[in-house]
Every structure is written in structure tokens, then in C-alpha cells.
Amino acid sequence: MLQLDGGVELVVMITTGSEQKLDLKPGDAACALIKANLVILGVDA
């Protein structure tokens, strides 16, 4: 999960291999580049 400015949280999924290559640990700073032809968003009702 990435926490964006304003407290918005973005849930992301990566492969275990990518996690290991990036050496990501909980609490590490990261950024995301979204490249997709379709993005589906949902909100709590």
C-alpha cells in the first residue's frame, strides 16, 4: 500500500521477485508510475 499526499492510500500488487529486487520493506518510501489502458476505481459506500 502506498500512502499518497492527503492520506489517500493506494493498494498495489507486485511480484515477490520485484519485491526482492527492489529490497522493499514495510515503511520504505516508494513511488508508483501507473501505465494502463484501464483503471477501475472503487469507493466505500
N, C-alpha and C. Protein backbone atom coordinates (compact mmCIF):
# COMPACT_ATOMS: atom_id res chain seq x y z
N MET A 1 0.86 -1.16 0.00
CA MET A 1 0.00 0.00 0.00
C MET A 1 0.91 1.23 0.00
N LEU A 2 0.59 2.18 -0.87
CA LEU A 2 1.28 3.46 -0.89
C LEU A 2 0.37 4.51 -0.28
N GLN A 3 0.92 5.32 0.60
CA GLN A 3 0.12 6.41 1.17
C GLN A 3 0.48 7.67 0.41
N LEU A 4 -0.51 8.27 -0.23
CA LEU A 4 -0.33 9.47 -1.03
C LEU A 4 -0.54 10.71 -0.19
N ASP A 5 -0.18 11.87 -0.76
CA ASP A 5 -0.43 13.14 -0.07
C ASP A 5 -1.90 13.23 0.32
N GLY A 6 -2.17 13.79 1.46
CA GLY A 6 -3.54 13.93 1.92
C GLY A 6 -4.06 12.68 2.62
N GLY A 7 -3.20 11.67 2.79
CA GLY A 7 -3.60 10.45 3.49
C GLY A 7 -4.30 9.42 2.64
N VAL A 8 -4.42 9.67 1.33
CA VAL A 8 -5.04 8.70 0.43
C VAL A 8 -4.13 7.48 0.31
N GLU A 9 -4.71 6.29 0.37
CA GLU A 9 -3.94 5.06 0.28
C GLU A 9 -4.21 4.37 -1.05
N LEU A 10 -3.14 3.94 -1.71
CA LEU A 10 -3.23 3.24 -2.98
C LEU A 10 -2.71 1.82 -2.76
N VAL A 11 -3.55 0.84 -2.97
CA VAL A 11 -3.15 -0.55 -2.81
C VAL A 11 -2.51 -1.03 -4.09
N VAL A 12 -1.32 -1.60 -3.97
CA VAL A 12 -0.58 -2.06 -5.14
C VAL A 12 -0.21 -3.53 -4.95
N MET A 13 -0.03 -4.21 -6.05
CA MET A 13 0.41 -5.61 -6.01
C MET A 13 1.62 -5.75 -6.91
N ILE A 14 2.69 -6.35 -6.38
CA ILE A 14 3.88 -6.63 -7.18
C ILE A 14 4.28 -8.08 -6.93
N THR A 15 5.10 -8.59 -7.81
CA THR A 15 5.56 -9.97 -7.65
C THR A 15 6.58 -10.05 -6.53
N THR A 16 6.76 -11.24 -5.99
CA THR A 16 7.77 -11.45 -4.96
C THR A 16 9.15 -11.13 -5.50
N GLY A 17 9.39 -11.48 -6.77
CA GLY A 17 10.68 -11.18 -7.39
C GLY A 17 10.96 -9.69 -7.44
N SER A 18 9.95 -8.90 -7.79
CA SER A 18 10.11 -7.44 -7.82
C SER A 18 10.34 -6.90 -6.43
N GLU A 19 9.64 -7.43 -5.46
CA GLU A 19 9.83 -7.00 -4.07
C GLU A 19 11.27 -7.24 -3.64
N GLN A 20 11.80 -8.39 -3.99
CA GLN A 20 13.18 -8.73 -3.62
C GLN A 20 14.19 -7.86 -4.37
N LYS A 21 13.97 -7.66 -5.67
CA LYS A 21 14.90 -6.84 -6.46
C LYS A 21 14.94 -5.40 -5.97
N LEU A 22 13.78 -4.88 -5.55
CA LEU A 22 13.70 -3.51 -5.05
C LEU A 22 14.08 -3.41 -3.57
N ASP A 23 14.23 -4.57 -2.92
CA ASP A 23 14.56 -4.64 -1.50
C ASP A 23 13.58 -3.82 -0.66
N LEU A 24 12.27 -3.98 -0.96
CA LEU A 24 11.23 -3.23 -0.26
C LEU A 24 10.93 -3.84 1.10
N LYS A 25 10.80 -2.96 2.07
CA LYS A 25 10.42 -3.36 3.42
C LYS A 25 9.26 -2.48 3.86
N PRO A 26 8.41 -2.95 4.77
CA PRO A 26 7.31 -2.11 5.26
C PRO A 26 7.84 -0.78 5.78
N GLY A 27 7.20 0.31 5.36
CA GLY A 27 7.60 1.64 5.79
C GLY A 27 8.58 2.34 4.86
N ASP A 28 9.17 1.61 3.89
CA ASP A 28 10.08 2.23 2.93
C ASP A 28 9.33 3.23 2.06
N ALA A 29 10.01 4.29 1.67
CA ALA A 29 9.44 5.25 0.72
C ALA A 29 9.50 4.65 -0.68
N ALA A 30 8.46 4.88 -1.47
CA ALA A 30 8.42 4.39 -2.84
C ALA A 30 7.53 5.31 -3.66
N CYS A 31 7.63 5.20 -4.96
CA CYS A 31 6.73 5.95 -5.83
C CYS A 31 6.17 4.98 -6.86
N ALA A 32 5.07 5.36 -7.47
CA ALA A 32 4.41 4.48 -8.44
C ALA A 32 4.16 5.24 -9.72
N LEU A 33 4.39 4.57 -10.82
CA LEU A 33 4.04 5.08 -12.15
C LEU A 33 2.94 4.17 -12.67
N ILE A 34 1.79 4.74 -12.96
CA ILE A 34 0.66 3.94 -13.42
C ILE A 34 0.57 4.03 -14.92
N LYS A 35 0.70 2.88 -15.58
CA LYS A 35 0.60 2.81 -17.04
C LYS A 35 -0.41 1.70 -17.35
N ALA A 36 -1.59 2.12 -17.74
CA ALA A 36 -2.63 1.13 -18.01
C ALA A 36 -3.65 1.73 -18.97
N ASN A 37 -4.25 0.87 -19.75
CA ASN A 37 -5.31 1.36 -20.63
C ASN A 37 -6.67 1.33 -19.93
N LEU A 38 -6.72 0.74 -18.74
CA LEU A 38 -7.97 0.66 -17.98
C LEU A 38 -7.65 0.68 -16.50
N VAL A 39 -8.24 1.60 -15.77
CA VAL A 39 -8.08 1.64 -14.32
C VAL A 39 -9.49 1.65 -13.73
N ILE A 40 -9.77 0.72 -12.83
CA ILE A 40 -11.07 0.63 -12.19
C ILE A 40 -10.91 1.09 -10.75
N LEU A 41 -11.66 2.09 -10.36
CA LEU A 41 -11.62 2.61 -9.00
C LEU A 41 -12.90 2.27 -8.27
N GLY A 42 -12.80 2.07 -7.00
CA GLY A 42 -13.99 1.83 -6.18
C GLY A 42 -13.95 2.72 -4.96
N VAL A 43 -15.10 2.99 -4.41
CA VAL A 43 -15.20 3.78 -3.17
C VAL A 43 -16.08 3.04 -2.18
N ASP A 44 -15.84 3.31 -0.92
CA ASP A 44 -16.69 2.74 0.12
C ASP A 44 -18.07 3.40 0.04
N ALA A 45 -19.11 2.59 0.12
CA ALA A 45 -20.47 3.13 0.06
C ALA A 45 -20.94 3.51 1.44
